[in-house]
């Protein structure tokens, strides 16, 4: 078993290395000083958006460990907490006052409370318009019962990034932007605007021996990004192995680059 895990780690590192080399050879940006090659023009360095998926009472302790690192670098107002209101039909947030109190505290600190799903079972929003409206209404009722202002909810990530056209219409008609793995959908002036993003997740049960390679990959991705960079993380998955170590590195790296860009 240990041998298989070791071989799997070697394969992951090799794939990351190849991807990194490809990106370096094909990117117009340098890796270490974010200056365009053969040009004096600087690339635009945007602050990343941080998406925390699966915000649920079951992951409260994991969430607290994540928040410590985000607070360390002052990324509170760039972090979006995507709440599951009745996770697996077992964890209705109305029954977890400590969890709700903590979310209210985070909101006061600048974090954004957003929506991720009613129960997060399967592709729950790959459904009809009627079902989507029913689930959204039930979810918002629970959030209101817990003291949240649903008018402040601006973003929705469908579970597993899967959503039907009918469900899309429900959210967009309520002026809620839908975030998918490669783009956002937003209603603007009675038309649907598609906004390309770089939405990356590096910490899905990241082994400790892969952290340095993934850090290099993330830096290359971030510097070479031509669109809004978004870091997706999942509680429990990011708390495993080297995930939190990577998160600390990434936030420090992006803050330093942004500071250099402004100087």
Protein backbone atom coordinates (compact mmCIF):
# COMPACT_ATOMS: atom_id res chain seq x y z
CA UNK A 1 0.00 0.00 0.00
CA UNK A 2 2.82 2.39 0.94
CA UNK A 3 4.57 1.55 -2.32
CA UNK A 4 1.42 2.37 -4.31
CA UNK A 5 1.04 5.71 -2.51
CA UNK A 6 4.70 6.49 -3.21
CA UNK A 7 4.31 5.68 -6.91
CA UNK A 8 1.14 7.76 -7.08
CA UNK A 9 2.97 10.71 -5.50
CA UNK A 10 5.80 10.39 -8.05
CA UNK A 11 3.27 10.42 -10.91
CA UNK A 12 1.54 13.52 -9.52
CA UNK A 13 4.86 15.35 -9.13
CA UNK A 14 5.90 14.39 -12.67
CA UNK A 15 2.60 15.63 -14.13
CA UNK A 16 2.87 18.90 -12.21
CA UNK A 17 6.46 19.34 -13.42
CA UNK A 18 5.49 18.77 -17.06
CA UNK A 19 2.54 21.15 -16.74
CA UNK A 20 4.79 23.76 -15.13
CA UNK A 21 7.43 23.51 -17.85
CA UNK A 22 4.77 23.79 -20.53
CA UNK A 23 3.30 26.87 -18.89
CA UNK A 24 6.72 28.51 -18.52
CA UNK A 25 7.61 27.85 -22.15
CA UNK A 26 4.25 29.08 -23.45
CA UNK A 27 3.54 31.92 -21.03
CA UNK A 28 4.46 35.52 -21.87
CA UNK A 29 5.24 36.14 -18.21
CA UNK A 30 8.35 35.37 -16.19
CA UNK A 31 7.97 33.12 -13.15
CA UNK A 32 9.86 35.06 -10.51
CA UNK A 33 9.46 38.75 -11.33
CA UNK A 34 6.11 38.92 -13.19
CA UNK A 35 7.48 41.14 -15.98
CA UNK A 36 6.55 40.53 -19.60
CA UNK A 37 9.39 38.99 -21.55
CA UNK A 38 10.77 41.31 -24.23
CA UNK A 39 8.59 44.14 -22.87
CA UNK A 40 8.54 46.76 -20.16
CA UNK A 41 4.78 46.36 -19.73
CA UNK A 42 3.65 44.73 -16.48
CA UNK A 43 0.82 42.19 -16.40
CA UNK A 44 -2.26 43.06 -14.38
CA UNK A 45 -2.03 41.50 -10.92
CA UNK A 46 -5.53 41.09 -9.53
CA UNK A 47 -6.26 40.06 -5.98
CA UNK A 48 -7.55 36.49 -6.00
CA UNK A 49 -11.08 35.61 -5.01
CA UNK A 50 -11.18 32.77 -2.48
CA UNK A 51 -14.11 30.38 -2.71
CA UNK A 52 -14.72 28.14 0.30
CA UNK A 53 -17.10 25.41 -0.80
CA UNK A 54 -19.19 23.14 1.44
CA UNK A 55 -19.56 25.55 4.36
CA UNK A 56 -21.52 23.30 6.70
CA UNK A 57 -21.77 22.58 10.44
CA UNK A 58 -19.99 19.27 9.94
CA UNK A 59 -16.84 21.14 8.91
CA UNK A 60 -16.89 23.88 11.56
CA UNK A 61 -13.52 23.01 13.11
CA UNK A 62 -11.90 22.65 9.68
CA UNK A 63 -13.33 26.03 8.67
CA UNK A 64 -11.85 27.68 11.75
CA UNK A 65 -8.37 26.44 10.85
CA UNK A 66 -8.79 27.83 7.32
CA UNK A 67 -10.01 31.19 8.60
CA UNK A 68 -6.91 31.62 10.79
CA UNK A 69 -4.71 31.62 7.70
CA UNK A 70 -7.00 33.91 5.69
CA UNK A 71 -7.12 36.41 8.56
CA UNK A 72 -3.33 36.35 8.76
CA UNK A 73 -3.10 37.90 5.29
CA UNK A 74 -6.13 40.16 5.45
CA UNK A 75 -8.13 38.43 2.72
CA UNK A 76 -11.44 38.55 4.60
CA UNK A 77 -13.26 40.72 2.04
CA UNK A 78 -11.95 38.59 -0.83
CA UNK A 79 -13.29 35.35 0.67
CA UNK A 80 -16.71 33.93 -0.21
CA UNK A 81 -18.33 31.32 2.03
CA UNK A 82 -20.63 29.01 0.04
CA UNK A 83 -23.12 27.61 2.54
CA UNK A 84 -25.03 24.33 2.33
CA UNK A 85 -28.14 24.96 4.41
CA UNK A 86 -29.19 21.31 4.96
CA UNK A 87 -26.11 19.27 4.16
CA UNK A 88 -26.96 15.66 3.23
CA UNK A 89 -30.42 16.29 4.72
CA UNK A 90 -28.77 15.86 8.14
CA UNK A 91 -27.14 19.18 9.01
CA UNK A 92 -29.80 21.87 8.85
CA UNK A 93 -28.00 25.00 10.00
CA UNK A 94 -31.03 26.05 12.07
CA UNK A 95 -30.10 23.26 14.49
CA UNK A 96 -26.52 24.47 14.89
CA UNK A 97 -26.58 27.88 16.62
CA UNK A 98 -22.82 27.89 17.28
CA UNK A 99 -22.17 27.46 13.57
CA UNK A 100 -24.65 30.20 12.66
CA UNK A 101 -23.14 32.53 15.26
CA UNK A 102 -19.69 31.91 13.80
CA UNK A 103 -20.89 32.75 10.27
CA UNK A 104 -22.41 36.01 11.54
CA UNK A 105 -19.09 36.82 13.18
CA UNK A 106 -17.24 36.14 9.92
CA UNK A 107 -19.70 38.30 7.99
CA UNK A 108 -19.01 41.20 10.35
CA UNK A 109 -15.29 40.67 9.74
CA UNK A 110 -15.80 41.16 6.00
CA UNK A 111 -16.41 37.63 4.73
CA UNK A 112 -19.21 37.15 2.20
CA UNK A 113 -22.02 34.68 2.89
CA UNK A 114 -23.03 33.01 -0.38
CA UNK A 115 -25.08 29.99 -1.46
CA UNK A 116 -23.92 26.49 -2.40
CA UNK A 117 -26.99 24.31 -2.18
CA UNK A 118 -29.88 22.93 -0.18
CA UNK A 119 -28.50 19.46 0.57
CA UNK A 120 -25.61 19.02 -1.91
CA UNK A 121 -26.79 15.55 -2.89
CA UNK A 122 -25.76 14.60 -6.42
CA UNK A 123 -26.29 17.19 -9.13
CA UNK A 124 -29.12 18.77 -7.20
CA UNK A 125 -29.53 21.78 -9.50
CA UNK A 126 -29.45 19.80 -12.72
CA UNK A 127 -33.20 19.96 -12.43
CA UNK A 128 -36.41 21.60 -13.61
CA UNK A 129 -37.28 25.23 -12.97
CA UNK A 130 -39.95 24.20 -10.47
CA UNK A 131 -37.55 22.07 -8.41
CA UNK A 132 -34.84 24.77 -8.52
CA UNK A 133 -37.27 27.43 -7.28
CA UNK A 134 -38.54 25.14 -4.53
CA UNK A 135 -35.03 24.34 -3.27
CA UNK A 136 -33.88 27.94 -3.46
CA UNK A 137 -36.97 29.21 -1.63
CA UNK A 138 -36.57 26.58 1.11
CA UNK A 139 -32.88 27.44 1.41
CA UNK A 140 -33.44 31.18 1.64
CA UNK A 141 -36.15 30.64 4.25
CA UNK A 142 -33.64 28.75 6.40
CA UNK A 143 -31.05 31.49 5.94
CA UNK A 144 -33.57 34.16 6.89
CA UNK A 145 -34.60 32.16 9.97
CA UNK A 146 -30.93 32.20 10.96
CA UNK A 147 -30.77 35.97 10.65
CA UNK A 148 -29.02 36.34 7.29
CA UNK A 149 -30.03 39.00 4.78
CA UNK A 150 -30.64 37.05 1.57
CA UNK A 151 -30.46 40.29 -0.44
CA UNK A 152 -26.72 40.25 0.22
CA UNK A 153 -26.27 36.89 -1.50
CA UNK A 154 -24.68 37.61 -4.88
CA UNK A 155 -23.02 34.33 -5.87
CA UNK A 156 -23.98 30.68 -6.25
CA UNK A 157 -21.76 27.68 -6.98
CA UNK A 158 -23.82 24.67 -8.09
CA UNK A 159 -22.74 21.43 -6.40
CA UNK A 160 -20.14 19.77 -8.62
CA UNK A 161 -20.51 22.75 -11.02
CA UNK A 162 -23.53 21.14 -12.67
CA UNK A 163 -26.67 23.15 -13.42
CA UNK A 164 -29.49 22.92 -15.94
CA UNK A 165 -30.52 25.80 -18.20
CA UNK A 166 -33.85 25.94 -16.38
CA UNK A 167 -32.14 26.32 -13.00
CA UNK A 168 -29.75 28.90 -14.45
CA UNK A 169 -32.75 31.03 -15.32
CA UNK A 170 -34.05 30.88 -11.74
CA UNK A 171 -30.81 32.22 -10.27
CA UNK A 172 -30.09 34.79 -12.95
CA UNK A 173 -33.62 36.21 -12.67
CA UNK A 174 -32.84 36.88 -9.01
CA UNK A 175 -29.61 38.67 -9.97
CA UNK A 176 -27.46 35.91 -8.48
CA UNK A 177 -24.25 35.29 -10.40
CA UNK A 178 -23.55 31.62 -11.12
CA UNK A 179 -19.94 30.49 -10.72
CA UNK A 180 -18.81 27.47 -12.71
CA UNK A 181 -15.38 25.89 -13.08
CA UNK A 182 -14.24 28.16 -15.95
CA UNK A 183 -16.61 31.11 -16.05
CA UNK A 184 -19.34 33.09 -14.31
CA UNK A 185 -22.82 33.76 -15.64
CA UNK A 186 -24.32 37.13 -14.78
CA UNK A 187 -27.48 38.91 -15.83
CA UNK A 188 -26.75 42.42 -17.01
CA UNK A 189 -29.14 44.76 -18.86
CA UNK A 190 -31.56 41.91 -19.63
CA UNK A 191 -28.83 39.84 -21.24
CA UNK A 192 -26.61 37.05 -19.94
CA UNK A 193 -22.95 37.94 -19.62
CA UNK A 194 -20.35 35.17 -19.60
CA UNK A 195 -17.22 36.14 -17.65
CA UNK A 196 -14.15 33.93 -18.06
CA UNK A 197 -12.25 33.19 -14.84
CA UNK A 198 -9.32 31.06 -13.74
CA UNK A 199 -10.88 28.91 -11.04
CA UNK A 200 -8.27 26.55 -9.59
CA UNK A 201 -8.20 24.01 -6.78
CA UNK A 202 -4.82 22.64 -5.69
CA UNK A 203 -5.61 21.20 -2.28
CA UNK A 204 -7.89 18.24 -2.84
CA UNK A 205 -6.21 15.95 -0.26
CA UNK A 206 -2.77 17.26 -1.19
CA UNK A 207 0.07 14.97 0.05
CA UNK A 208 2.77 16.79 2.01
CA UNK A 209 5.49 15.59 -0.36
CA UNK A 210 3.76 17.33 -3.29
CA UNK A 211 3.39 20.79 -1.71
CA UNK A 212 6.49 22.44 -3.22
CA UNK A 213 5.64 21.28 -6.73
CA UNK A 214 2.07 22.50 -6.39
CA UNK A 215 3.27 25.84 -5.02
CA UNK A 216 5.36 26.33 -8.17
CA UNK A 217 2.43 25.39 -10.38
CA UNK A 218 0.08 27.78 -8.55
CA UNK A 219 2.54 30.66 -8.83
CA UNK A 220 2.90 30.11 -12.57
CA UNK A 221 -0.88 29.88 -12.99
CA UNK A 222 -1.49 33.02 -10.95
CA UNK A 223 1.16 35.17 -12.63
CA UNK A 224 0.20 34.11 -16.13
CA UNK A 225 -3.54 34.48 -15.59
CA UNK A 226 -5.25 36.90 -17.98
CA UNK A 227 -8.55 36.69 -16.11
CA UNK A 228 -9.78 36.96 -12.54
CA UNK A 229 -7.97 34.28 -10.53
CA UNK A 230 -10.14 32.28 -8.13
CA UNK A 231 -8.86 29.80 -5.56
CA UNK A 232 -11.37 27.10 -4.64
CA UNK A 233 -10.92 25.13 -1.44
CA UNK A 234 -12.97 22.51 0.38
CA UNK A 235 -12.93 22.12 4.17
CA UNK A 236 -11.51 18.76 5.25
CA UNK A 237 -9.80 18.27 1.88
CA UNK A 238 -7.60 21.37 2.38
CA UNK A 239 -7.04 20.43 6.04
CA UNK A 240 -5.47 17.16 4.95
CA UNK A 241 -1.72 16.69 4.38
CA UNK A 242 -0.07 19.82 3.05
CA UNK A 243 -3.21 21.75 2.15
CA UNK A 244 -3.00 24.43 4.83
CA UNK A 245 0.72 24.83 4.22
CA UNK A 246 -0.06 25.51 0.58
CA UNK A 247 -2.84 27.97 1.48
CA UNK A 248 -0.44 29.91 3.70
CA UNK A 249 2.11 30.04 0.87
CA UNK A 250 -0.43 31.06 -1.77
CA UNK A 251 -1.93 33.94 0.20
CA UNK A 252 1.49 35.22 1.18
CA UNK A 253 2.73 34.98 -2.41
CA UNK A 254 -0.27 36.77 -3.93
CA UNK A 255 -0.17 39.52 -1.31
CA UNK A 256 3.52 40.16 -1.98
CA UNK A 257 2.99 40.26 -5.75
CA UNK A 258 0.09 42.66 -5.39
CA UNK A 259 2.20 44.87 -3.12
CA UNK A 260 5.04 44.90 -5.67
CA UNK A 261 2.60 45.72 -8.45
CA UNK A 262 1.33 48.78 -6.57
CA UNK A 263 4.80 50.10 -5.75
